[in-house]
Amino acid sequence: MAPECYKIGTLTRVHGLKGELSFSFTDDVWDRVDADYVMLMIDGILVPFFLEEYRFRSDSVALLKFQDVETADTAQEYVGCDVYFPQELTPEETPDELRWSYFTGFEVVDDVSGVLGTISHVEDSTANVLFYVDGKNGELMLPAVEEFILDINHTERVVTMHLPEGLLDLN
C-alpha cells in the first residue's frame, strides 16, 4: 500500500540538457528532512523518484535532478507532474516552528458548512496569509487568520475554522 502523501508542488519545465527539472514548490520539506526521494503522480499512481541532486533558484523554485533521468527528452515526460511527499517522513514540528507551508495538504472544515476541501497552497508572501483550498465547487481562498481557526488536528491533518457569514459566497 502506498504511503499517505501530500502535494508539495509541480514540475513546471525542463532545465538544460542533462535532465534537470524546474520544481515550483509550496513546501521545502524534502530539504528539511534530507529526503532521498519524492513521489510523482503519474497516470493516477504515486511513483517514487530518487533525488540525485537539487539546488534552490528562489524560495519557491528548485531545480531537481532525479536518478536515471539523464536527458532533456526524458525529463520532458515528467513536466506537469504533481510532486508529493510521504507524510511518515514529515518531521513533527512544534507549534512555534511551524511554517505556513506546513498546512499544505490539510483538510479544511468549517464549523457551519462542513468539509470545504484540501489546502493546495498557502500564500504567505503578503501581509494577509491565504489558504488556497481545492473544494468540490472549485478553488476557495480563505484568510488564514487566528481568529477564524478553531482547532488544528496535526494527527488527522484537519484545520477546523469558523468563517464569517457570507465569506464563502465571495469565492
Protein backbone atom coordinates (compact mmCIF):
# COMPACT_ATOMS: atom_id res chain seq x y z
CA MET A 1 0.00 0.00 0.00
CA ALA A 2 1.31 3.46 -0.89
CA PRO A 3 2.20 5.75 1.99
CA GLU A 4 -0.07 8.69 2.84
CA CYS A 5 1.31 11.63 0.88
CA TYR A 6 0.53 15.29 0.41
CA LYS A 7 1.21 17.58 -2.51
CA ILE A 8 4.24 19.86 -2.22
CA GLY A 9 4.45 21.25 -5.76
CA THR A 10 4.62 20.68 -9.51
CA LEU A 11 7.35 20.05 -12.06
CA THR A 12 6.98 23.01 -14.43
CA ARG A 13 9.63 22.69 -17.15
CA VAL A 14 12.89 21.12 -18.25
CA HIS A 15 16.06 22.99 -17.32
CA GLY A 16 19.09 22.44 -19.51
CA LEU A 17 20.07 19.29 -21.39
CA LYS A 18 21.04 16.88 -18.60
CA GLY A 19 17.60 16.01 -17.24
CA GLU A 20 17.06 18.70 -14.63
CA LEU A 21 13.51 19.83 -13.91
CA SER A 22 12.24 23.11 -12.54
CA PHE A 23 10.14 22.41 -9.44
CA SER A 24 7.65 25.00 -8.20
CA PHE A 25 7.05 24.04 -4.56
CA THR A 26 4.87 25.11 -1.66
CA ASP A 27 6.79 23.15 0.99
CA ASP A 28 10.55 22.51 1.18
CA VAL A 29 10.08 19.51 3.47
CA TRP A 30 12.28 17.25 1.29
CA ASP A 31 15.20 19.58 2.05
CA ARG A 32 14.45 19.97 5.76
CA VAL A 33 14.48 16.19 6.31
CA ASP A 34 17.20 15.43 3.75
CA ALA A 35 14.89 13.01 1.91
CA ASP A 36 16.19 10.51 -0.64
CA TYR A 37 13.04 10.64 -2.76
CA VAL A 38 9.78 12.38 -3.58
CA MET A 39 6.65 10.91 -5.17
CA LEU A 40 5.36 11.91 -8.62
CA MET A 41 1.74 11.45 -9.61
CA ILE A 42 1.88 9.61 -12.93
CA ASP A 43 -1.36 8.40 -14.51
CA GLY A 44 -3.09 8.50 -11.13
CA ILE A 45 -0.39 6.49 -9.34
CA LEU A 46 2.23 7.79 -6.91
CA VAL A 47 5.68 6.71 -8.09
CA PRO A 48 8.89 7.29 -6.05
CA PHE A 49 11.66 9.24 -7.78
CA PHE A 50 15.05 9.28 -6.13
CA LEU A 51 16.86 12.61 -5.92
CA GLU A 52 20.35 12.70 -7.37
CA GLU A 53 20.81 16.38 -6.54
CA TYR A 54 18.91 19.65 -6.29
CA ARG A 55 19.52 23.34 -5.87
CA PHE A 56 17.28 26.23 -4.98
CA ARG A 57 16.58 29.01 -7.51
CA SER A 58 14.31 31.01 -5.17
CA ASP A 59 12.21 30.46 -2.07
CA SER A 60 9.58 28.65 -4.18
CA VAL A 61 11.54 27.13 -7.11
CA ALA A 62 14.24 24.46 -7.11
CA LEU A 63 15.99 22.51 -9.84
CA LEU A 64 15.72 18.76 -9.30
CA LYS A 65 17.83 16.03 -10.86
CA PHE A 66 16.39 12.54 -10.50
CA GLN A 67 18.36 9.30 -10.76
CA ASP A 68 18.04 7.68 -14.21
CA VAL A 69 16.70 10.87 -15.83
CA GLU A 70 19.70 11.83 -17.96
CA THR A 71 18.32 13.83 -20.91
CA ALA A 72 16.00 16.75 -21.57
CA ASP A 73 13.74 14.44 -23.60
CA THR A 74 13.36 12.02 -20.68
CA ALA A 75 12.78 14.91 -18.25
CA GLN A 76 10.12 16.36 -20.56
CA GLU A 77 7.93 13.30 -19.84
CA TYR A 78 7.55 14.49 -16.23
CA VAL A 79 6.74 18.17 -16.87
CA GLY A 80 3.34 18.92 -15.34
CA CYS A 81 3.53 16.09 -12.82
CA ASP A 82 2.48 16.96 -9.28
CA VAL A 83 5.08 16.18 -6.61
CA TYR A 84 4.07 14.60 -3.31
CA PHE A 85 5.86 13.86 -0.06
CA PRO A 86 5.23 10.91 2.30
CA GLN A 87 3.51 12.03 5.49
CA GLU A 88 5.51 9.48 7.52
CA LEU A 89 8.77 11.29 6.64
CA THR A 90 7.44 14.72 7.60
CA PRO A 91 9.10 15.93 10.79
CA GLU A 92 6.96 16.51 13.83
CA GLU A 93 7.16 20.23 14.33
CA THR A 94 6.27 22.11 17.45
CA PRO A 95 3.81 24.99 17.03
CA ASP A 96 6.49 27.69 17.31
CA GLU A 97 8.47 26.04 14.46
CA LEU A 98 5.56 25.78 12.01
CA ARG A 99 5.77 27.42 8.63
CA TRP A 100 2.59 28.28 6.77
CA SER A 101 3.51 25.73 4.10
CA TYR A 102 3.12 23.04 6.79
CA PHE A 103 -0.65 23.27 6.27
CA THR A 104 -0.48 22.22 2.60
CA GLY A 105 -2.48 19.01 2.33
CA PHE A 106 -4.61 19.67 5.42
CA GLU A 107 -8.36 19.29 5.08
CA VAL A 108 -10.38 22.43 5.94
CA VAL A 109 -13.66 22.06 7.82
CA ASP A 110 -15.98 24.98 8.54
CA ASP A 111 -17.97 24.51 11.74
CA VAL A 112 -21.16 25.54 9.89
CA SER A 113 -20.69 24.42 6.26
CA GLY A 114 -18.70 21.23 6.91
CA VAL A 115 -15.80 19.96 4.77
CA LEU A 116 -14.62 22.65 2.35
CA GLY A 117 -11.69 20.84 0.72
CA THR A 118 -7.93 20.43 0.96
CA ILE A 119 -5.32 23.18 1.21
CA SER A 120 -3.37 23.06 -2.05
CA HIS A 121 -1.20 26.11 -1.46
CA VAL A 122 -0.57 28.75 1.19
CA GLU A 123 0.17 32.28 0.02
CA ASP A 124 2.29 33.89 2.72
CA SER A 125 4.25 36.43 0.69
CA THR A 126 1.79 39.22 1.55
CA ALA A 127 0.56 40.68 4.83
CA ASN A 128 -2.66 38.64 4.57
CA VAL A 129 -1.89 34.92 4.52
CA LEU A 130 -4.35 32.90 2.40
CA PHE A 131 -5.21 29.22 2.28
CA TYR A 132 -5.97 28.08 -1.29
CA VAL A 133 -8.45 25.26 -0.87
CA ASP A 134 -9.37 22.77 -3.60
CA GLY A 135 -13.04 22.16 -2.95
CA LYS A 136 -15.85 20.32 -4.65
CA ASN A 137 -17.01 23.60 -6.25
CA GLY A 138 -13.56 24.82 -7.31
CA GLU A 139 -10.82 26.75 -5.58
CA LEU A 140 -11.51 28.79 -2.46
CA MET A 141 -9.28 31.48 -1.00
CA LEU A 142 -9.63 31.67 2.77
CA PRO A 143 -7.86 34.08 5.12
CA ALA A 144 -5.55 32.15 7.41
CA VAL A 145 -6.13 34.23 10.50
CA GLU A 146 -6.03 33.04 14.06
CA GLU A 147 -9.48 34.44 14.83
CA PHE A 148 -11.07 32.07 12.25
CA ILE A 149 -9.16 28.90 13.27
CA LEU A 150 -10.94 26.92 15.97
CA ASP A 151 -8.75 23.80 16.02
CA ILE A 152 -5.76 22.21 14.31
CA ASN A 153 -5.59 18.42 14.43
CA HIS A 154 -2.00 17.64 13.43
CA THR A 155 -2.51 13.86 13.51
CA GLU A 156 -5.55 13.84 11.21
CA ARG A 157 -4.29 16.90 9.26
CA VAL A 158 -7.51 18.89 9.70
CA VAL A 159 -7.98 22.63 10.27
CA THR A 160 -11.38 23.50 11.73
CA MET A 161 -12.46 27.07 11.08
CA HIS A 162 -15.36 29.36 11.92
CA LEU A 163 -15.69 31.57 8.86
CA PRO A 164 -17.66 34.83 8.95
CA GLU A 165 -21.14 34.60 7.45
CA GLY A 166 -21.06 35.35 3.71
CA LEU A 167 -17.32 34.76 3.26
CA LEU A 168 -17.85 31.57 1.26
CA ASP A 169 -20.24 33.46 -1.04
CA LEU A 170 -17.36 35.74 -2.10
CA ASN A 171 -15.35 32.88 -3.59
